[in-house]
Each structure stands twice: as structure tokens, then as C-alpha cells.
Amino acid sequence: NGKILVSGGDEHSKETKNYDGEIEFWDIENGNLVRKFAKQRSPVYSLAISPDGKTIAAGNYNGTIGLWKVN
């Protein structure tokens, strides 16, 4: 919609000893984090959003691809 930026994370968690692989939504007008979504088991290396904005695909370091519906 031109108002939200979606990014993939790879922050290492001290609690789980794994990478969080979170997908994060950011408000591009003010730079605020809007929500965190879909923790992965490995770092997110690529993201794609469907043309209708309702589905996100994430390519992960471990070679998997996750698909999620976004509300």
C-alpha cells in the first residue's frame, strides 16, 4: 500500500540460542515498528509480497520458504 515496509530479521536470541528470523512491518512515515510476524527458525534472506498484499513469502537461510496470509 506504499505505507508499510516489510523486513526480514536475523537477530540472534540469547534465550533460545537461535536466530529469530522475524518478519517486521514498519510505518515508513514515522519509522515505527508496527508489528512482528512469523518467527522463522533461521535468518530471513528474501521477502516477496503478493500483488494484493495478502500473502508474504520468506526465503530462509536453511533453504526453506514460508508462506503466510497477512490480515
PDB file of N, CA and C in Angstrom:
ATOM      1  N   ASN A   1       0.814  -1.211   0.000  1.00  0.00           N
ATOM      2  CA  ASN A   1       0.000   0.000   0.000  1.00  0.00           C
ATOM      3  C   ASN A   1       0.854   1.270   0.000  1.00  0.00           C
ATOM      4  N   GLY A   2       2.171   1.112  -0.049  1.00  0.00           N
ATOM      5  CA  GLY A   2       3.058   2.263  -0.063  1.00  0.00           C
ATOM      6  C   GLY A   2       3.251   2.922   1.286  1.00  0.00           C
ATOM      7  N   LYS A   3       2.676   2.365   2.346  1.00  0.00           N
ATOM      8  CA  LYS A   3       2.788   2.959   3.679  1.00  0.00           C
ATOM      9  C   LYS A   3       3.562   2.084   4.656  1.00  0.00           C
ATOM     10  N   ILE A   4       3.785   0.831   4.285  1.00  0.00           N
ATOM     11  CA  ILE A   4       4.442  -0.123   5.168  1.00  0.00           C
ATOM     12  C   ILE A   4       5.648  -0.736   4.461  1.00  0.00           C
ATOM     13  N   LEU A   5       6.754  -0.844   5.191  1.00  0.00           N
ATOM     14  CA  LEU A   5       7.951  -1.537   4.721  1.00  0.00           C
ATOM     15  C   LEU A   5       8.029  -2.855   5.480  1.00  0.00           C
ATOM     16  N   VAL A   6       8.322  -3.932   4.764  1.00  0.00           N
ATOM     17  CA  VAL A   6       8.452  -5.244   5.395  1.00  0.00           C
ATOM     18  C   VAL A   6       9.915  -5.660   5.331  1.00  0.00           C
ATOM     19  N   SER A   7      10.462  -6.094   6.472  1.00  0.00           N
ATOM     20  CA  SER A   7      11.868  -6.513   6.517  1.00  0.00           C
ATOM     21  C   SER A   7      11.976  -7.874   7.185  1.00  0.00           C
ATOM     22  N   GLY A   8      13.042  -8.601   6.852  1.00  0.00           N
ATOM     23  CA  GLY A   8      13.304  -9.892   7.474  1.00  0.00           C
ATOM     24  C   GLY A   8      14.470  -9.773   8.427  1.00  0.00           C
ATOM     25  N   GLY A   9      14.372 -10.439   9.553  1.00  0.00           N
ATOM     26  CA  GLY A   9      15.401 -10.323  10.577  1.00  0.00           C
ATOM     27  C   GLY A   9      16.306 -11.531  10.677  1.00  0.00           C
ATOM     28  N   ASP A  10      17.419 -11.324  11.360  1.00  0.00           N
ATOM     29  CA  ASP A  10      18.337 -12.426  11.643  1.00  0.00           C
ATOM     30  C   ASP A  10      19.020 -12.244  12.989  1.00  0.00           C
ATOM     31  N   GLU A  11      18.337 -11.608  13.905  1.00  0.00           N
ATOM     32  CA  GLU A  11      18.927 -11.351  15.218  1.00  0.00           C
ATOM     33  C   GLU A  11      19.089 -12.657  15.998  1.00  0.00           C
ATOM     34  N   HIS A  12      20.224 -12.816  16.660  1.00  0.00           N
ATOM     35  CA  HIS A  12      20.496 -13.998  17.453  1.00  0.00           C
ATOM     36  C   HIS A  12      19.891 -13.834  18.841  1.00  0.00           C
ATOM     37  N   SER A  13      19.086 -14.809  19.251  1.00  0.00           N
ATOM     38  CA  SER A  13      18.431 -14.773  20.556  1.00  0.00           C
ATOM     39  C   SER A  13      19.324 -15.404  21.614  1.00  0.00           C
ATOM     40  N   LYS A  14      19.550 -14.681  22.705  1.00  0.00           N
ATOM     41  CA  LYS A  14      20.339 -15.232  23.811  1.00  0.00           C
ATOM     42  C   LYS A  14      19.561 -16.313  24.556  1.00  0.00           C
ATOM     43  N   GLU A  15      18.209 -16.205  24.553  1.00  0.00           N
ATOM     44  CA  GLU A  15      17.387 -17.178  25.274  1.00  0.00           C
ATOM     45  C   GLU A  15      17.345 -18.526  24.558  1.00  0.00           C
ATOM     46  N   THR A  16      17.099 -18.514  23.251  1.00  0.00           N
ATOM     47  CA  THR A  16      16.921 -19.769  22.517  1.00  0.00           C
ATOM     48  C   THR A  16      18.190 -20.251  21.832  1.00  0.00           C
ATOM     49  N   LYS A  17      19.211 -19.397  21.768  1.00  0.00           N
ATOM     50  CA  LYS A  17      20.469 -19.692  21.080  1.00  0.00           C
ATOM     51  C   LYS A  17      20.275 -19.872  19.562  1.00  0.00           C
ATOM     52  N   ASN A  18      19.152 -19.409  19.035  1.00  0.00           N
ATOM     53  CA  ASN A  18      18.855 -19.489  17.612  1.00  0.00           C
ATOM     54  C   ASN A  18      18.665 -18.091  17.044  1.00  0.00           C
ATOM     55  N   TYR A  19      18.620 -18.013  15.734  1.00  0.00           N
ATOM     56  CA  TYR A  19      18.280 -16.749  15.088  1.00  0.00           C
ATOM     57  C   TYR A  19      16.775 -16.612  15.064  1.00  0.00           C
ATOM     58  N   ASP A  20      16.281 -15.381  15.290  1.00  0.00           N
ATOM     59  CA  ASP A  20      14.836 -15.213  15.415  1.00  0.00           C
ATOM     60  C   ASP A  20      14.108 -15.245  14.072  1.00  0.00           C
ATOM     61  N   GLY A  21      14.716 -14.766  13.015  1.00  0.00           N
ATOM     62  CA  GLY A  21      14.097 -14.805  11.709  1.00  0.00           C
ATOM     63  C   GLY A  21      12.740 -14.134  11.650  1.00  0.00           C
ATOM     64  N   GLU A  22      12.533 -13.095  12.418  1.00  0.00           N
ATOM     65  CA  GLU A  22      11.240 -12.422  12.416  1.00  0.00           C
ATOM     66  C   GLU A  22      11.050 -11.589  11.159  1.00  0.00           C
ATOM     67  N   ILE A  23       9.807 -11.481  10.767  1.00  0.00           N
ATOM     68  CA  ILE A  23       9.414 -10.568   9.702  1.00  0.00           C
ATOM     69  C   ILE A  23       8.786  -9.371  10.401  1.00  0.00           C
ATOM     70  N   GLU A  24       9.256  -8.187  10.065  1.00  0.00           N
ATOM     71  CA  GLU A  24       8.816  -6.981  10.759  1.00  0.00           C
ATOM     72  C   GLU A  24       8.154  -6.015   9.784  1.00  0.00           C
ATOM     73  N   PHE A  25       7.115  -5.348  10.257  1.00  0.00           N
ATOM     74  CA  PHE A  25       6.377  -4.356   9.486  1.00  0.00           C
ATOM     75  C   PHE A  25       6.665  -2.975  10.065  1.00  0.00           C
ATOM     76  N   TRP A  26       7.079  -2.034   9.212  1.00  0.00           N
ATOM     77  CA  TRP A  26       7.462  -0.688   9.642  1.00  0.00           C
ATOM     78  C   TRP A  26       6.598   0.360   8.963  1.00  0.00           C
ATOM     79  N   ASP A  27       6.200   1.375   9.722  1.00  0.00           N
ATOM     80  CA  ASP A  27       5.490   2.528   9.170  1.00  0.00           C
ATOM     81  C   ASP A  27       6.530   3.425   8.513  1.00  0.00           C
ATOM     82  N   ILE A  28       6.453   3.630   7.186  1.00  0.00           N
ATOM     83  CA  ILE A  28       7.509   4.388   6.512  1.00  0.00           C
ATOM     84  C   ILE A  28       7.424   5.889   6.763  1.00  0.00           C
ATOM     85  N   GLU A  29       6.282   6.388   7.231  1.00  0.00           N
ATOM     86  CA  GLU A  29       6.181   7.825   7.515  1.00  0.00           C
ATOM     87  C   GLU A  29       6.930   8.220   8.774  1.00  0.00           C
ATOM     88  N   ASN A  30       6.864   7.365   9.820  1.00  0.00           N
ATOM     89  CA  ASN A  30       7.492   7.748  11.087  1.00  0.00           C
ATOM     90  C   ASN A  30       8.604   6.784  11.527  1.00  0.00           C
ATOM     91  N   GLY A  31       8.804   5.685  10.792  1.00  0.00           N
ATOM     92  CA  GLY A  31       9.864   4.744  11.122  1.00  0.00           C
ATOM     93  C   GLY A  31       9.566   3.820  12.286  1.00  0.00           C
ATOM     94  N   ASN A  32       8.338   3.825  12.781  1.00  0.00           N
ATOM     95  CA  ASN A  32       7.979   2.987  13.922  1.00  0.00           C
ATOM     96  C   ASN A  32       7.697   1.548  13.507  1.00  0.00           C
ATOM     97  N   LEU A  33       8.066   0.615  14.373  1.00  0.00           N
ATOM     98  CA  LEU A  33       7.731  -0.783  14.182  1.00  0.00           C
ATOM     99  C   LEU A  33       6.238  -0.947  14.412  1.00  0.00           C
ATOM    100  N   VAL A  34       5.545  -1.535  13.450  1.00  0.00           N
ATOM    101  CA  VAL A  34       4.101  -1.730  13.552  1.00  0.00           C
ATOM    102  C   VAL A  34       3.789  -3.086  14.178  1.00  0.00           C
ATOM    103  N   ARG A  35       4.479  -4.133  13.691  1.00  0.00           N
ATOM    104  CA  ARG A  35       4.268  -5.458  14.271  1.00  0.00           C
ATOM    105  C   ARG A  35       5.387  -6.395  13.859  1.00  0.00           C
ATOM    106  N   LYS A  36       5.562  -7.442  14.665  1.00  0.00           N
ATOM    107  CA  LYS A  36       6.480  -8.531  14.330  1.00  0.00           C
ATOM    108  C   LYS A  36       5.620  -9.728  13.977  1.00  0.00           C
ATOM    109  N   PHE A  37       6.137 -10.525  13.050  1.00  0.00           N
ATOM    110  CA  PHE A  37       5.287 -11.554  12.470  1.00  0.00           C
ATOM    111  C   PHE A  37       6.129 -12.776  12.121  1.00  0.00           C
ATOM    112  N   ALA A  38       5.580 -13.951  12.279  1.00  0.00           N
ATOM    113  CA  ALA A  38       6.091 -15.189  11.715  1.00  0.00           C
ATOM    114  C   ALA A  38       7.556 -15.467  12.039  1.00  0.00           C
ATOM    115  N   LYS A  39       7.840 -15.801  13.266  1.00  0.00           N
ATOM    116  CA  LYS A  39       9.221 -16.166  13.605  1.00  0.00           C
ATOM    117  C   LYS A  39       9.650 -17.393  12.808  1.00  0.00           C
ATOM    118  N   GLN A  40      10.822 -17.294  12.207  1.00  0.00           N
ATOM    119  CA  GLN A  40      11.409 -18.387  11.440  1.00  0.00           C
ATOM    120  C   GLN A  40      12.426 -19.109  12.314  1.00  0.00           C
ATOM    121  N   ARG A  41      12.923 -20.222  11.845  1.00  0.00           N
ATOM    122  CA  ARG A  41      13.962 -20.939  12.584  1.00  0.00           C
ATOM    123  C   ARG A  41      15.348 -20.606  12.092  1.00  0.00           C
ATOM    124  N   SER A  42      15.431 -19.741  11.099  1.00  0.00           N
ATOM    125  CA  SER A  42      16.732 -19.303  10.592  1.00  0.00           C
ATOM    126  C   SER A  42      16.570 -17.908  10.005  1.00  0.00           C
ATOM    127  N   PRO A  43      17.666 -17.221   9.733  1.00  0.00           N
ATOM    128  CA  PRO A  43      17.577 -15.855   9.207  1.00  0.00           C
ATOM    129  C   PRO A  43      16.787 -15.783   7.901  1.00  0.00           C
ATOM    130  N   VAL A  44      16.041 -14.703   7.762  1.00  0.00           N
ATOM    131  CA  VAL A  44      15.280 -14.436   6.542  1.00  0.00           C
ATOM    132  C   VAL A  44      16.217 -13.760   5.547  1.00  0.00           C
ATOM    133  N   TYR A  45      16.357 -14.336   4.360  1.00  0.00           N
ATOM    134  CA  TYR A  45      17.243 -13.792   3.328  1.00  0.00           C
ATOM    135  C   TYR A  45      16.502 -13.072   2.222  1.00  0.00           C
ATOM    136  N   SER A  46      15.227 -13.379   2.032  1.00  0.00           N
ATOM    137  CA  SER A  46      14.475 -12.693   0.983  1.00  0.00           C
ATOM    138  C   SER A  46      12.997 -12.674   1.345  1.00  0.00           C
ATOM    139  N   LEU A  47      12.312 -11.643   0.855  1.00  0.00           N
ATOM    140  CA  LEU A  47      10.878 -11.487   1.088  1.00  0.00           C
ATOM    141  C   LEU A  47      10.194 -11.111  -0.214  1.00  0.00           C
ATOM    142  N   ALA A  48       8.971 -11.577  -0.382  1.00  0.00           N
ATOM    143  CA  ALA A  48       8.140 -11.162  -1.508  1.00  0.00           C
ATOM    144  C   ALA A  48       6.719 -11.013  -0.993  1.00  0.00           C
ATOM    145  N   ILE A  49       6.038 -10.017  -1.491  1.00  0.00           N
ATOM    146  CA  ILE A  49       4.647  -9.761  -1.112  1.00  0.00           C
ATOM    147  C   ILE A  49       3.794  -9.913  -2.355  1.00  0.00           C
ATOM    148  N   SER A  50       2.674 -10.608  -2.234  1.00  0.00           N
ATOM    149  CA  SER A  50       1.782 -10.801  -3.373  1.00  0.00           C
ATOM    150  C   SER A  50       1.226  -9.451  -3.826  1.00  0.00           C
ATOM    151  N   PRO A  51       0.836  -9.343  -5.086  1.00  0.00           N
ATOM    152  CA  PRO A  51       0.303  -8.067  -5.595  1.00  0.00           C
ATOM    153  C   PRO A  51      -0.886  -7.524  -4.797  1.00  0.00           C
ATOM    154  N   ASP A  52      -1.703  -8.413  -4.234  1.00  0.00           N
ATOM    155  CA  ASP A  52      -2.844  -7.943  -3.448  1.00  0.00           C
ATOM    156  C   ASP A  52      -2.469  -7.624  -2.002  1.00  0.00           C
ATOM    157  N   GLY A  53      -1.198  -7.875  -1.609  1.00  0.00           N
ATOM    158  CA  GLY A  53      -0.718  -7.548  -0.270  1.00  0.00           C
ATOM    159  C   GLY A  53      -1.201  -8.484   0.818  1.00  0.00           C
ATOM    160  N   LYS A  54      -1.792  -9.622   0.444  1.00  0.00           N
ATOM    161  CA  LYS A  54      -2.377 -10.511   1.442  1.00  0.00           C
ATOM    162  C   LYS A  54      -1.516 -11.725   1.785  1.00  0.00           C
ATOM    163  N   THR A  55      -0.437 -11.939   1.046  1.00  0.00           N
ATOM    164  CA  THR A  55       0.430 -13.085   1.289  1.00  0.00           C
ATOM    165  C   THR A  55       1.892 -12.650   1.247  1.00  0.00           C
ATOM    166  N   ILE A  56       2.682 -13.190   2.186  1.00  0.00           N
ATOM    167  CA  ILE A  56       4.124 -12.926   2.218  1.00  0.00           C
ATOM    168  C   ILE A  56       4.850 -14.253   2.064  1.00  0.00           C
ATOM    169  N   ALA A  57       5.885 -14.246   1.236  1.00  0.00           N
ATOM    170  CA  ALA A  57       6.779 -15.397   1.098  1.00  0.00           C
ATOM    171  C   ALA A  57       8.142 -14.986   1.641  1.00  0.00           C
ATOM    172  N   ALA A  58       8.749 -15.855   2.440  1.00  0.00           N
ATOM    173  CA  ALA A  58      10.071 -15.584   3.005  1.00  0.00           C
ATOM    174  C   ALA A  58      11.009 -16.719   2.663  1.00  0.00           C
ATOM    175  N   GLY A  59      12.149 -16.383   2.055  1.00  0.00           N
ATOM    176  CA  GLY A  59      13.205 -17.355   1.799  1.00  0.00           C
ATOM    177  C   GLY A  59      14.169 -17.324   2.963  1.00  0.00           C
ATOM    178  N   ASN A  60      14.452 -18.476   3.525  1.00  0.00           N
ATOM    179  CA  ASN A  60      15.263 -18.567   4.729  1.00  0.00           C
ATOM    180  C   ASN A  60      16.629 -19.171   4.461  1.00  0.00           C
ATOM    181  N   TYR A  61      17.567 -18.880   5.344  1.00  0.00           N
ATOM    182  CA  TYR A  61      18.939 -19.361   5.256  1.00  0.00           C
ATOM    183  C   TYR A  61      19.008 -20.888   5.172  1.00  0.00           C
ATOM    184  N   ASN A  62      18.091 -21.557   5.849  1.00  0.00           N
ATOM    185  CA  ASN A  62      18.123 -23.020   5.873  1.00  0.00           C
ATOM    186  C   ASN A  62      17.547 -23.652   4.601  1.00  0.00           C
ATOM    187  N   GLY A  63      17.209 -22.833   3.600  1.00  0.00           N
ATOM    188  CA  GLY A  63      16.727 -23.348   2.327  1.00  0.00           C
ATOM    189  C   GLY A  63      15.229 -23.541   2.230  1.00  0.00           C
ATOM    190  N   THR A  64      14.499 -23.147   3.256  1.00  0.00           N
ATOM    191  CA  THR A  64      13.039 -23.289   3.218  1.00  0.00           C
ATOM    192  C   THR A  64      12.395 -21.983   2.785  1.00  0.00           C
ATOM    193  N   ILE A  65      11.149 -22.090   2.354  1.00  0.00           N
ATOM    194  CA  ILE A  65      10.347 -20.921   2.017  1.00  0.00           C
ATOM    195  C   ILE A  65       9.063 -21.012   2.823  1.00  0.00           C
ATOM    196  N   GLY A  66       8.730 -19.930   3.528  1.00  0.00           N
ATOM    197  CA  GLY A  66       7.492 -19.878   4.301  1.00  0.00           C
ATOM    198  C   GLY A  66       6.497 -18.971   3.612  1.00  0.00           C
ATOM    199  N   LEU A  67       5.217 -19.349   3.661  1.00  0.00           N
ATOM    200  CA  LEU A  67       4.128 -18.527   3.117  1.00  0.00           C
ATOM    201  C   LEU A  67       3.150 -18.210   4.234  1.00  0.00           C
ATOM    202  N   TRP A  68       2.736 -16.936   4.313  1.00  0.00           N
ATOM    203  CA  TRP A  68       1.794 -16.516   5.354  1.00  0.00           C
ATOM    204  C   TRP A  68       0.750 -15.583   4.780  1.00  0.00           C
ATOM    205  N   LYS A  69      -0.472 -15.753   5.281  1.00  0.00           N
ATOM    206  CA  LYS A  69      -1.539 -14.804   4.980  1.00  0.00           C
ATOM    207  C   LYS A  69      -1.388 -13.643   5.958  1.00  0.00           C
ATOM    208  N   VAL A  70      -1.564 -12.439   5.453  1.00  0.00           N
ATOM    209  CA  VAL A  70      -1.448 -11.243   6.273  1.00  0.00           C
ATOM    210  C   VAL A  70      -2.825 -10.599   6.390  1.00  0.00           C
ATOM    211  N   ASN A  71      -3.212 -10.262   7.605  1.00  0.00           N
ATOM    212  CA  ASN A  71      -4.523  -9.611   7.825  1.00  0.00           C
ATOM    213  C   ASN A  71      -4.368  -8.127   7.774  1.00  0.00           C
TER     214      ASN A  71
END
